[in-house]
Amino acid sequence: MATGSLDLAVSLLALHAVNDLPGTLIQLRRALRPDGLFLGCLLGGATLTELRQSFAQAESEIEGGVSPRVAPFAAVREAGALLQRAGFALPVADTDTLTVRYADPFGLMRDLRAMGMTNVLTERRRTPLRRATLVRTAEVYAERFSDPDGRIRATFEVLWLSGWVPHKSQQKPLRPGTAKSRLADALGTIELKPELGRTP
């Protein structure tokens, strides 16, 4: 992709699967023209936390150690920091949390496989998953993350990102001390000043 060739770059639920998220954001920033906009959404850190915890407990009990079974996802603060690191101006990172319910953990696993979200981590255990571990994972999941009606919960956190390529037309913060009016006046409140020699 040529440098500065795009006005808009959009990524929907793909960036959580890249090996180098900081590098990918830098490449997106380079591909955009000045004042170009990046919009993206990706799965965030709380995604599948129930499945991650259930696998960890089951593997610890059955196999005496833990293998990564669920990919790590970026936290919203990390994502915002990565936008800044990549050189985006006016970065915004927000989050939505969705809870999906299933009759059992196996229904969730079937959907994850159909979505192409199987385990691709290079650090994963190379031996096949033991049946006893899988059964124990389902038991732990049902014990810890089920509702009163017996259905289990699965969390999907969606991170929403936006950032602009810097341009002289974009708003910039004023220098400290250059304000022409006080925030207290705009809010209709009284400004309380700390006493000398005392911390507020």
N, C-alpha and C. Protein backbone atom coordinates (compact mmCIF):
# COMPACT_ATOMS: atom_id res chain seq x y z
N MET A 1 0.84 -1.17 0.00
CA MET A 1 0.00 0.00 0.00
C MET A 1 0.90 1.25 0.00
N ALA A 2 0.65 2.15 -0.91
CA ALA A 2 1.50 3.33 -1.05
C ALA A 2 1.30 4.28 0.13
N THR A 3 2.38 4.94 0.53
CA THR A 3 2.31 5.91 1.62
C THR A 3 1.39 7.07 1.25
N GLY A 4 0.51 7.45 2.17
CA GLY A 4 -0.39 8.57 1.94
C GLY A 4 -1.38 8.38 0.83
N SER A 5 -1.83 7.14 0.61
CA SER A 5 -2.73 6.86 -0.52
C SER A 5 -4.19 6.75 -0.12
N LEU A 6 -4.50 6.78 1.18
CA LEU A 6 -5.87 6.57 1.64
C LEU A 6 -6.39 7.77 2.42
N ASP A 7 -7.68 8.03 2.28
CA ASP A 7 -8.36 9.02 3.12
C ASP A 7 -8.97 8.38 4.35
N LEU A 8 -9.31 7.10 4.22
CA LEU A 8 -10.00 6.40 5.31
C LEU A 8 -9.54 4.95 5.33
N ALA A 9 -9.26 4.44 6.53
CA ALA A 9 -8.94 3.02 6.72
C ALA A 9 -9.86 2.47 7.81
N VAL A 10 -10.53 1.37 7.51
CA VAL A 10 -11.48 0.77 8.44
C VAL A 10 -11.12 -0.69 8.65
N SER A 11 -11.08 -1.12 9.90
CA SER A 11 -10.83 -2.52 10.22
C SER A 11 -11.88 -2.99 11.22
N LEU A 12 -12.63 -4.02 10.84
CA LEU A 12 -13.71 -4.52 11.68
C LEU A 12 -13.41 -5.94 12.14
N LEU A 13 -13.14 -6.08 13.43
CA LEU A 13 -12.93 -7.37 14.10
C LEU A 13 -11.87 -8.23 13.41
N ALA A 14 -10.74 -7.60 13.09
CA ALA A 14 -9.63 -8.34 12.49
C ALA A 14 -8.31 -8.10 13.23
N LEU A 15 -8.13 -6.92 13.78
CA LEU A 15 -6.82 -6.55 14.32
C LEU A 15 -6.41 -7.38 15.53
N HIS A 16 -7.35 -7.99 16.25
CA HIS A 16 -6.97 -8.81 17.40
C HIS A 16 -6.25 -10.08 16.96
N ALA A 17 -6.29 -10.40 15.67
CA ALA A 17 -5.66 -11.63 15.18
C ALA A 17 -4.29 -11.39 14.55
N VAL A 18 -3.84 -10.13 14.48
CA VAL A 18 -2.53 -9.88 13.87
C VAL A 18 -1.42 -10.16 14.88
N ASN A 19 -0.25 -10.55 14.37
CA ASN A 19 0.88 -10.85 15.25
C ASN A 19 1.53 -9.60 15.82
N ASP A 20 1.46 -8.49 15.09
CA ASP A 20 2.16 -7.27 15.50
C ASP A 20 1.19 -6.10 15.41
N LEU A 21 0.39 -5.91 16.47
CA LEU A 21 -0.60 -4.83 16.46
C LEU A 21 0.06 -3.45 16.40
N PRO A 22 1.11 -3.17 17.19
CA PRO A 22 1.75 -1.84 17.07
C PRO A 22 2.25 -1.57 15.65
N GLY A 23 2.89 -2.56 15.04
CA GLY A 23 3.40 -2.39 13.68
C GLY A 23 2.30 -2.19 12.67
N THR A 24 1.19 -2.91 12.84
CA THR A 24 0.06 -2.78 11.91
C THR A 24 -0.54 -1.38 11.98
N LEU A 25 -0.68 -0.84 13.21
CA LEU A 25 -1.22 0.51 13.35
C LEU A 25 -0.28 1.55 12.72
N ILE A 26 1.02 1.34 12.85
CA ILE A 26 1.99 2.25 12.23
C ILE A 26 1.85 2.21 10.71
N GLN A 27 1.68 1.01 10.15
CA GLN A 27 1.52 0.88 8.69
C GLN A 27 0.22 1.54 8.22
N LEU A 28 -0.85 1.40 9.01
CA LEU A 28 -2.12 2.06 8.66
C LEU A 28 -1.95 3.58 8.68
N ARG A 29 -1.25 4.07 9.68
CA ARG A 29 -1.01 5.51 9.77
C ARG A 29 -0.21 6.02 8.57
N ARG A 30 0.79 5.26 8.13
CA ARG A 30 1.59 5.66 6.97
C ARG A 30 0.78 5.63 5.68
N ALA A 31 -0.18 4.72 5.60
CA ALA A 31 -0.97 4.60 4.38
C ALA A 31 -1.99 5.72 4.22
N LEU A 32 -2.29 6.42 5.33
CA LEU A 32 -3.30 7.48 5.29
C LEU A 32 -2.66 8.83 4.96
N ARG A 33 -3.44 9.65 4.23
CA ARG A 33 -3.01 11.02 3.93
C ARG A 33 -3.13 11.88 5.18
N PRO A 34 -2.48 13.05 5.22
CA PRO A 34 -2.70 13.97 6.33
C PRO A 34 -4.20 14.26 6.50
N ASP A 35 -4.67 14.24 7.73
CA ASP A 35 -6.07 14.39 8.10
C ASP A 35 -6.91 13.18 7.70
N GLY A 36 -6.26 12.07 7.35
CA GLY A 36 -6.98 10.82 7.08
C GLY A 36 -7.42 10.18 8.39
N LEU A 37 -8.47 9.39 8.31
CA LEU A 37 -9.10 8.81 9.50
C LEU A 37 -8.95 7.30 9.53
N PHE A 38 -8.59 6.79 10.69
CA PHE A 38 -8.61 5.34 10.94
C PHE A 38 -9.75 5.03 11.90
N LEU A 39 -10.58 4.04 11.54
CA LEU A 39 -11.65 3.53 12.40
C LEU A 39 -11.47 2.03 12.53
N GLY A 40 -11.55 1.52 13.73
CA GLY A 40 -11.38 0.08 13.90
C GLY A 40 -12.11 -0.44 15.11
N CYS A 41 -12.42 -1.72 15.07
CA CYS A 41 -12.90 -2.40 16.27
C CYS A 41 -12.24 -3.77 16.32
N LEU A 42 -11.94 -4.19 17.52
CA LEU A 42 -11.28 -5.47 17.75
C LEU A 42 -11.70 -6.00 19.10
N LEU A 43 -11.49 -7.28 19.31
CA LEU A 43 -11.84 -7.87 20.59
C LEU A 43 -10.85 -7.43 21.65
N GLY A 44 -11.37 -7.12 22.85
CA GLY A 44 -10.54 -6.59 23.92
C GLY A 44 -10.27 -7.60 25.03
N GLY A 45 -9.55 -7.14 26.04
CA GLY A 45 -8.97 -7.99 27.07
C GLY A 45 -9.92 -8.86 27.86
N ALA A 46 -11.16 -8.44 28.05
CA ALA A 46 -12.10 -9.25 28.83
C ALA A 46 -12.76 -10.35 28.01
N THR A 47 -12.48 -10.40 26.71
CA THR A 47 -13.11 -11.39 25.83
C THR A 47 -12.76 -12.82 26.26
N LEU A 48 -13.78 -13.64 26.41
CA LEU A 48 -13.64 -15.06 26.74
C LEU A 48 -12.91 -15.30 28.05
N THR A 49 -13.02 -14.36 28.98
CA THR A 49 -12.33 -14.53 30.26
C THR A 49 -12.82 -15.76 31.01
N GLU A 50 -14.09 -16.10 30.87
CA GLU A 50 -14.63 -17.28 31.55
C GLU A 50 -13.99 -18.56 31.01
N LEU A 51 -13.86 -18.65 29.69
CA LEU A 51 -13.25 -19.84 29.08
C LEU A 51 -11.77 -19.93 29.45
N ARG A 52 -11.08 -18.79 29.44
CA ARG A 52 -9.66 -18.77 29.81
C ARG A 52 -9.46 -19.28 31.24
N GLN A 53 -10.27 -18.78 32.17
CA GLN A 53 -10.13 -19.18 33.57
C GLN A 53 -10.49 -20.65 33.77
N SER A 54 -11.51 -21.12 33.07
CA SER A 54 -11.94 -22.51 33.22
C SER A 54 -10.88 -23.46 32.69
N PHE A 55 -10.30 -23.16 31.53
CA PHE A 55 -9.23 -23.99 30.99
C PHE A 55 -8.02 -24.00 31.93
N ALA A 56 -7.67 -22.84 32.46
CA ALA A 56 -6.50 -22.75 33.34
C ALA A 56 -6.68 -23.62 34.58
N GLN A 57 -7.86 -23.56 35.21
CA GLN A 57 -8.09 -24.37 36.40
C GLN A 57 -8.10 -25.86 36.07
N ALA A 58 -8.77 -26.23 34.97
CA ALA A 58 -8.85 -27.65 34.60
C ALA A 58 -7.48 -28.21 34.26
N GLU A 59 -6.70 -27.49 33.47
CA GLU A 59 -5.37 -27.99 33.10
C GLU A 59 -4.45 -28.08 34.30
N SER A 60 -4.56 -27.12 35.21
CA SER A 60 -3.74 -27.16 36.42
C SER A 60 -4.05 -28.40 37.25
N GLU A 61 -5.34 -28.74 37.35
CA GLU A 61 -5.75 -29.90 38.13
C GLU A 61 -5.39 -31.22 37.45
N ILE A 62 -5.65 -31.31 36.14
CA ILE A 62 -5.52 -32.59 35.43
C ILE A 62 -4.10 -32.82 34.93
N GLU A 63 -3.45 -31.77 34.41
CA GLU A 63 -2.18 -31.94 33.74
C GLU A 63 -1.00 -31.33 34.48
N GLY A 64 -1.28 -30.69 35.60
CA GLY A 64 -0.20 -30.16 36.41
C GLY A 64 0.47 -28.92 35.86
N GLY A 65 -0.14 -28.26 34.91
CA GLY A 65 0.41 -27.04 34.33
C GLY A 65 -0.60 -26.41 33.39
N VAL A 66 -0.34 -25.20 32.98
CA VAL A 66 -1.28 -24.45 32.16
C VAL A 66 -0.67 -24.15 30.80
N SER A 67 -1.45 -24.37 29.75
CA SER A 67 -1.05 -24.03 28.39
C SER A 67 -1.99 -22.93 27.90
N PRO A 68 -1.48 -21.94 27.15
CA PRO A 68 -2.39 -20.90 26.65
C PRO A 68 -3.42 -21.48 25.69
N ARG A 69 -4.67 -21.31 26.01
CA ARG A 69 -5.77 -21.84 25.18
C ARG A 69 -6.56 -20.73 24.52
N VAL A 70 -6.57 -19.54 25.12
CA VAL A 70 -7.32 -18.40 24.58
C VAL A 70 -6.32 -17.28 24.32
N ALA A 71 -6.37 -16.72 23.13
CA ALA A 71 -5.41 -15.67 22.76
C ALA A 71 -5.53 -14.47 23.69
N PRO A 72 -4.41 -13.82 23.98
CA PRO A 72 -4.49 -12.57 24.75
C PRO A 72 -5.05 -11.45 23.88
N PHE A 73 -5.85 -10.60 24.48
CA PHE A 73 -6.44 -9.47 23.77
C PHE A 73 -6.01 -8.18 24.45
N ALA A 74 -5.90 -7.10 23.69
CA ALA A 74 -5.44 -5.81 24.22
C ALA A 74 -6.51 -5.20 25.13
N ALA A 75 -6.04 -4.55 26.19
CA ALA A 75 -6.93 -3.77 27.06
C ALA A 75 -7.19 -2.42 26.42
N VAL A 76 -8.29 -1.77 26.80
CA VAL A 76 -8.67 -0.51 26.16
C VAL A 76 -7.60 0.56 26.36
N ARG A 77 -6.98 0.64 27.54
CA ARG A 77 -5.93 1.64 27.77
C ARG A 77 -4.73 1.37 26.88
N GLU A 78 -4.36 0.09 26.75
CA GLU A 78 -3.23 -0.27 25.89
C GLU A 78 -3.52 0.11 24.44
N ALA A 79 -4.75 -0.12 24.00
CA ALA A 79 -5.11 0.20 22.62
C ALA A 79 -5.01 1.70 22.36
N GLY A 80 -5.48 2.52 23.30
CA GLY A 80 -5.36 3.97 23.15
C GLY A 80 -3.91 4.41 23.11
N ALA A 81 -3.07 3.80 23.96
CA ALA A 81 -1.64 4.13 23.97
C ALA A 81 -0.98 3.73 22.66
N LEU A 82 -1.41 2.61 22.08
CA LEU A 82 -0.83 2.16 20.80
C LEU A 82 -1.18 3.11 19.67
N LEU A 83 -2.39 3.69 19.70
CA LEU A 83 -2.75 4.69 18.69
C LEU A 83 -1.80 5.89 18.77
N GLN A 84 -1.54 6.35 19.99
CA GLN A 84 -0.61 7.48 20.16
C GLN A 84 0.79 7.10 19.70
N ARG A 85 1.23 5.92 20.08
CA ARG A 85 2.56 5.45 19.70
C ARG A 85 2.72 5.37 18.19
N ALA A 86 1.64 5.02 17.50
CA ALA A 86 1.68 4.91 16.04
C ALA A 86 1.66 6.28 15.36
N GLY A 87 1.42 7.34 16.13
CA GLY A 87 1.46 8.69 15.57
C GLY A 87 0.11 9.28 15.21
N PHE A 88 -0.98 8.65 15.67
CA PHE A 88 -2.31 9.20 15.39
C PHE A 88 -2.60 10.38 16.31
N ALA A 89 -3.25 11.38 15.76
CA ALA A 89 -3.70 12.53 16.55
C ALA A 89 -5.15 12.31 16.99
N LEU A 90 -5.54 12.98 18.06
CA LEU A 90 -6.91 12.91 18.58
C LEU A 90 -7.39 11.46 18.74
N PRO A 91 -6.58 10.59 19.37
CA PRO A 91 -6.99 9.18 19.48
C PRO A 91 -8.14 8.99 20.45
N VAL A 92 -9.01 8.06 20.12
CA VAL A 92 -10.15 7.71 20.98
C VAL A 92 -10.22 6.19 21.06
N ALA A 93 -10.36 5.68 22.27
CA ALA A 93 -10.55 4.24 22.48
C ALA A 93 -11.72 4.07 23.43
N ASP A 94 -12.70 3.28 23.03
CA ASP A 94 -13.89 3.06 23.84
C ASP A 94 -14.19 1.57 23.83
N THR A 95 -15.10 1.15 24.69
CA THR A 95 -15.36 -0.28 24.81
C THR A 95 -16.84 -0.57 24.99
N ASP A 96 -17.28 -1.68 24.44
CA ASP A 96 -18.62 -2.25 24.68
C ASP A 96 -18.41 -3.68 25.16
N THR A 97 -19.16 -4.09 26.16
CA THR A 97 -19.07 -5.46 26.65
C THR A 97 -20.39 -6.18 26.36
N LEU A 98 -20.29 -7.29 25.66
CA LEU A 98 -21.46 -8.10 25.31
C LEU A 98 -21.38 -9.44 26.03
N THR A 99 -22.49 -9.87 26.59
CA THR A 99 -22.55 -11.18 27.24
C THR A 99 -23.46 -12.07 26.42
N VAL A 100 -22.92 -13.20 25.99
CA VAL A 100 -23.67 -14.17 25.19
C VAL A 100 -23.88 -15.40 26.07
N ARG A 101 -25.06 -15.99 26.01
CA ARG A 101 -25.37 -17.15 26.86
C ARG A 101 -25.53 -18.41 26.01
N TYR A 102 -25.05 -19.52 26.58
CA TYR A 102 -25.11 -20.81 25.90
C TYR A 102 -25.67 -21.86 26.85
N ALA A 103 -26.19 -22.93 26.26
CA ALA A 103 -26.69 -24.04 27.07
C ALA A 103 -25.54 -24.73 27.79
N ASP A 104 -24.36 -24.79 27.15
CA ASP A 104 -23.18 -25.41 27.76
C ASP A 104 -21.93 -24.87 27.07
N PRO A 105 -20.75 -25.09 27.65
CA PRO A 105 -19.51 -24.58 27.05
C PRO A 105 -19.22 -25.15 25.66
N PHE A 106 -19.73 -26.33 25.38
CA PHE A 106 -19.45 -26.93 24.08
C PHE A 106 -20.13 -26.16 22.94
N GLY A 107 -21.29 -25.56 23.23
CA GLY A 107 -21.94 -24.71 22.23
C GLY A 107 -21.08 -23.49 21.92
N LEU A 108 -20.49 -22.90 22.96
CA LEU A 108 -19.58 -21.78 22.76
C LEU A 108 -18.38 -22.21 21.92
N MET A 109 -17.80 -23.35 22.24
CA MET A 109 -16.62 -23.82 21.50
C MET A 109 -16.94 -24.10 20.04
N ARG A 110 -18.13 -24.62 19.78
CA ARG A 110 -18.54 -24.85 18.38
C ARG A 110 -18.62 -23.53 17.63
N ASP A 111 -19.20 -22.51 18.26
CA ASP A 111 -19.30 -21.21 17.61
C ASP A 111 -17.93 -20.59 17.38
N LEU A 112 -17.04 -20.72 18.35
CA LEU A 112 -15.68 -20.17 18.19
C LEU A 112 -14.96 -20.85 17.02
N ARG A 113 -15.13 -22.17 16.90
CA ARG A 113 -14.52 -22.88 15.76
C ARG A 113 -15.11 -22.41 14.44
N ALA A 114 -16.42 -22.20 14.40
CA ALA A 114 -17.07 -21.73 13.18
C ALA A 114 -16.63 -20.31 12.82
N MET A 115 -16.24 -19.51 13.83
CA MET A 115 -15.76 -18.15 13.61
C MET A 115 -14.28 -18.12 13.23
N GLY A 116 -13.63 -19.28 13.22
CA GLY A 116 -12.20 -19.33 12.93
C GLY A 116 -11.34 -18.90 14.10
N MET A 117 -11.90 -18.96 15.31
CA MET A 117 -11.17 -18.51 16.50
C MET A 117 -10.65 -19.70 17.30
N THR A 118 -9.99 -20.62 16.61
CA THR A 118 -9.35 -21.73 17.31
C THR A 118 -7.98 -21.29 17.79
N ASN A 119 -7.31 -22.14 18.54
CA ASN A 119 -6.04 -21.79 19.17
C ASN A 119 -4.91 -21.81 18.13
N VAL A 120 -4.34 -20.63 17.85
CA VAL A 120 -3.23 -20.53 16.90
C VAL A 120 -1.95 -20.05 17.59
N LEU A 121 -1.95 -20.04 18.92
CA LEU A 121 -0.79 -19.55 19.66
C LEU A 121 0.39 -20.52 19.50
N THR A 122 1.56 -19.98 19.23
CA THR A 122 2.73 -20.84 19.05
C THR A 122 3.20 -21.45 20.36
N GLU A 123 2.84 -20.83 21.50
CA GLU A 123 3.28 -21.34 22.80
C GLU A 123 2.36 -22.44 23.34
N ARG A 124 1.33 -22.81 22.58
CA ARG A 124 0.37 -23.78 23.10
C ARG A 124 1.02 -25.17 23.21
N ARG A 125 0.43 -25.99 24.06
CA ARG A 125 0.88 -27.37 24.20
C ARG A 125 0.63 -28.11 22.89
N ARG A 126 1.62 -28.86 22.43
CA ARG A 126 1.53 -29.52 21.12
C ARG A 126 0.83 -30.87 21.17
N THR A 127 0.63 -31.41 22.34
CA THR A 127 -0.09 -32.68 22.44
C THR A 127 -1.59 -32.41 22.37
N PRO A 128 -2.35 -33.39 21.88
CA PRO A 128 -3.80 -33.18 21.78
C PRO A 128 -4.43 -32.92 23.15
N LEU A 129 -5.49 -32.15 23.15
CA LEU A 129 -6.22 -31.85 24.39
C LEU A 129 -6.82 -33.14 24.93
N ARG A 130 -6.56 -33.42 26.21
CA ARG A 130 -7.10 -34.63 26.83
C ARG A 130 -8.61 -34.50 27.05
N ARG A 131 -9.29 -35.62 26.87
CA ARG A 131 -10.74 -35.63 27.10
C ARG A 131 -11.06 -35.25 28.55
N ALA A 132 -10.27 -35.76 29.49
CA ALA A 132 -10.51 -35.46 30.90
C ALA A 132 -10.37 -33.97 31.18
N THR A 133 -9.41 -33.31 30.51
CA THR A 133 -9.22 -31.88 30.69
C THR A 133 -10.41 -31.10 30.13
N LEU A 134 -10.89 -31.53 28.96
CA LEU A 134 -12.02 -30.86 28.34
C LEU A 134 -13.28 -31.01 29.20
N VAL A 135 -13.51 -32.21 29.71
CA VAL A 135 -14.68 -32.45 30.57
C VAL A 135 -14.59 -31.61 31.84
N ARG A 136 -13.38 -31.55 32.44
CA ARG A 136 -13.22 -30.76 33.65
C ARG A 136 -13.39 -29.27 33.36
N THR A 137 -12.93 -28.82 32.20
CA THR A 137 -13.13 -27.42 31.81
C THR A 137 -14.62 -27.08 31.78
N ALA A 138 -15.41 -27.97 31.17
CA ALA A 138 -16.87 -27.74 31.10
C ALA A 138 -17.49 -27.72 32.49
N GLU A 139 -16.99 -28.57 33.39
CA GLU A 139 -17.52 -28.60 34.76
C GLU A 139 -17.20 -27.30 35.50
N VAL A 140 -15.94 -26.86 35.38
CA VAL A 140 -15.53 -25.61 36.05
C VAL A 140 -16.33 -24.44 35.50
N TYR A 141 -16.47 -24.41 34.18
CA TYR A 141 -17.23 -23.33 33.54
C TYR A 141 -18.65 -23.28 34.10
N ALA A 142 -19.30 -24.42 34.15
CA ALA A 142 -20.69 -24.48 34.63
C ALA A 142 -20.77 -24.10 36.11
N GLU A 143 -19.78 -24.50 36.90
CA GLU A 143 -19.78 -24.20 38.33
C GLU A 143 -19.60 -22.70 38.59
N ARG A 144 -18.72 -22.07 37.84
CA ARG A 144 -18.32 -20.70 38.15
C ARG A 144 -19.05 -19.62 37.34
N PHE A 145 -19.54 -19.97 36.15
CA PHE A 145 -20.05 -18.93 35.24
C PHE A 145 -21.43 -19.25 34.67
N SER A 146 -22.28 -19.87 35.47
CA SER A 146 -23.63 -20.16 34.98
C SER A 146 -24.65 -19.29 35.70
N ASP A 147 -25.75 -19.02 35.02
CA ASP A 147 -26.86 -18.26 35.58
C ASP A 147 -27.80 -19.22 36.30
N PRO A 148 -28.77 -18.67 37.07
CA PRO A 148 -29.70 -19.54 37.80
C PRO A 148 -30.45 -20.54 36.91
N ASP A 149 -30.65 -20.20 35.63
CA ASP A 149 -31.36 -21.12 34.73
C ASP A 149 -30.44 -22.19 34.14
N GLY A 150 -29.16 -22.19 34.55
CA GLY A 150 -28.22 -23.22 34.09
C GLY A 150 -27.43 -22.87 32.84
N ARG A 151 -27.79 -21.77 32.18
CA ARG A 151 -27.05 -21.37 30.98
C ARG A 151 -25.76 -20.66 31.39
N ILE A 152 -24.71 -20.87 30.59
CA ILE A 152 -23.42 -20.27 30.92
C ILE A 152 -23.23 -18.96 30.16
N ARG A 153 -22.37 -18.08 30.71
CA ARG A 153 -22.11 -16.77 30.13
C ARG A 153 -20.76 -16.76 29.42
N ALA A 154 -20.69 -16.03 28.32
CA ALA A 154 -19.42 -15.80 27.61
C ALA A 154 -19.32 -14.31 27.33
N THR A 155 -18.23 -13.70 27.76
CA THR A 155 -18.02 -12.26 27.59
C THR A 155 -17.25 -11.97 26.32
N PHE A 156 -17.73 -10.99 25.56
CA PHE A 156 -17.01 -10.48 24.40
C PHE A 156 -16.89 -8.97 24.59
N GLU A 157 -15.66 -8.49 24.76
CA GLU A 157 -15.42 -7.06 24.88
C GLU A 157 -14.97 -6.54 23.52
N VAL A 158 -15.66 -5.54 23.02
CA VAL A 158 -15.33 -4.95 21.72
C VAL A 158 -14.70 -3.58 21.95
N LEU A 159 -13.48 -3.39 21.46
CA LEU A 159 -12.81 -2.10 21.55
C LEU A 159 -13.05 -1.33 20.27
N TRP A 160 -13.43 -0.06 20.40
CA TRP A 160 -13.65 0.83 19.27
C TRP A 160 -12.53 1.86 19.25
N LEU A 161 -11.84 1.98 18.15
CA LEU A 161 -10.69 2.87 18.04
C LEU A 161 -10.87 3.87 16.91
N SER A 162 -10.38 5.08 17.11
CA SER A 162 -10.33 6.05 16.03
C SER A 162 -9.13 6.96 16.24
N GLY A 163 -8.56 7.41 15.14
CA GLY A 163 -7.43 8.32 15.20
C GLY A 163 -7.24 8.99 13.85
N TRP A 164 -6.72 10.19 13.88
CA TRP A 164 -6.50 10.97 12.67
C TRP A 164 -5.01 11.12 12.41
N VAL A 165 -4.64 11.15 11.15
CA VAL A 165 -3.26 11.50 10.81
C VAL A 165 -3.11 13.00 11.05
N PRO A 166 -2.05 13.42 11.73
CA PRO A 166 -1.91 14.85 12.07
C PRO A 166 -1.98 15.76 10.84
N HIS A 167 -2.60 16.92 11.04
CA HIS A 167 -2.74 17.93 9.99
C HIS A 167 -2.88 19.29 10.67
N LYS A 168 -2.39 20.33 10.04
CA LYS A 168 -2.39 21.67 10.65
C LYS A 168 -3.80 22.20 10.91
N SER A 169 -4.81 21.66 10.22
CA SER A 169 -6.18 22.16 10.40
C SER A 169 -6.86 21.61 11.65
N GLN A 170 -6.26 20.60 12.29
CA GLN A 170 -6.90 19.98 13.45
C GLN A 170 -6.77 20.86 14.68
N GLN A 171 -7.77 20.76 15.57
CA GLN A 171 -7.72 21.56 16.79
C GLN A 171 -6.53 21.13 17.65
N LYS A 172 -5.99 22.11 18.34
CA LYS A 172 -4.85 21.86 19.20
C LYS A 172 -5.12 22.49 20.56
N PRO A 173 -4.57 21.90 21.63
CA PRO A 173 -4.80 22.49 22.95
C PRO A 173 -4.09 23.84 23.08
N LEU A 174 -4.71 24.75 23.82
CA LEU A 174 -4.09 26.05 24.08
C LEU A 174 -2.96 25.90 25.08
N ARG A 175 -2.03 26.84 25.05
CA ARG A 175 -0.96 26.85 26.02
C ARG A 175 -1.54 27.12 27.40
N PRO A 176 -0.99 26.49 28.45
CA PRO A 176 -1.47 26.77 29.81
C PRO A 176 -1.37 28.26 30.13
N GLY A 177 -2.43 28.79 30.75
CA GLY A 177 -2.44 30.19 31.14
C GLY A 177 -2.99 31.14 30.10
N THR A 178 -3.44 30.63 28.93
CA THR A 178 -3.94 31.51 27.88
C THR A 178 -5.46 31.57 27.82
N ALA A 179 -6.14 30.91 28.75
CA ALA A 179 -7.60 30.91 28.74
C ALA A 179 -8.14 32.31 28.98
N LYS A 180 -9.28 32.64 28.35
CA LYS A 180 -9.90 33.95 28.51
C LYS A 180 -11.06 33.92 29.49
N SER A 181 -11.48 32.72 29.90
CA SER A 181 -12.54 32.61 30.90
C SER A 181 -12.23 31.43 31.83
N ARG A 182 -12.86 31.46 32.99
CA ARG A 182 -12.59 30.43 33.99
C ARG A 182 -13.62 29.31 33.89
N LEU A 183 -13.17 28.08 34.14
CA LEU A 183 -14.06 26.92 34.13
C LEU A 183 -15.13 27.07 35.21
N ALA A 184 -14.76 27.61 36.37
CA ALA A 184 -15.73 27.80 37.45
C ALA A 184 -16.87 28.71 37.01
N ASP A 185 -16.57 29.76 36.22
CA ASP A 185 -17.62 30.66 35.72
C ASP A 185 -18.54 29.93 34.74
N ALA A 186 -17.95 29.14 33.86
CA ALA A 186 -18.75 28.41 32.88
C ALA A 186 -19.68 27.40 33.55
N LEU A 187 -19.22 26.81 34.66
CA LEU A 187 -20.02 25.81 35.36
C LEU A 187 -20.94 26.43 36.40
N GLY A 188 -20.75 27.73 36.67
CA GLY A 188 -21.59 28.40 37.67
C GLY A 188 -21.28 27.94 39.08
N THR A 189 -20.02 27.62 39.36
CA THR A 189 -19.62 27.16 40.69
C THR A 189 -18.61 28.12 41.29
N ILE A 190 -18.30 27.88 42.54
CA ILE A 190 -17.30 28.69 43.24
C ILE A 190 -15.98 27.94 43.23
N GLU A 191 -14.92 28.64 42.87
CA GLU A 191 -13.60 28.02 42.84
C GLU A 191 -13.00 28.06 44.24
N LEU A 192 -12.61 26.90 44.74
CA LEU A 192 -11.97 26.81 46.05
C LEU A 192 -10.47 26.72 45.85
N LYS A 193 -9.75 27.65 46.45
CA LYS A 193 -8.30 27.66 46.31
C LYS A 193 -7.68 27.03 47.55
N PRO A 194 -6.66 26.19 47.38
CA PRO A 194 -6.03 25.57 48.54
C PRO A 194 -5.32 26.62 49.38
N GLU A 195 -5.30 26.39 50.70
CA GLU A 195 -4.61 27.30 51.60
C GLU A 195 -3.10 27.18 51.40
N LEU A 196 -2.39 28.27 51.58
CA LEU A 196 -0.95 28.23 51.42
C LEU A 196 -0.32 27.28 52.43
N GLY A 197 0.63 26.51 51.96
CA GLY A 197 1.34 25.58 52.85
C GLY A 197 0.59 24.30 53.12
N ARG A 198 -0.61 24.14 52.53
CA ARG A 198 -1.38 22.90 52.74
C ARG A 198 -1.68 22.27 51.40
N THR A 199 -1.62 20.97 51.36
CA THR A 199 -1.98 20.27 50.13
C THR A 199 -3.47 20.07 50.09
N PRO A 200 -4.08 20.12 48.90
CA PRO A 200 -5.54 19.96 48.83
C PRO A 200 -5.97 18.56 49.19
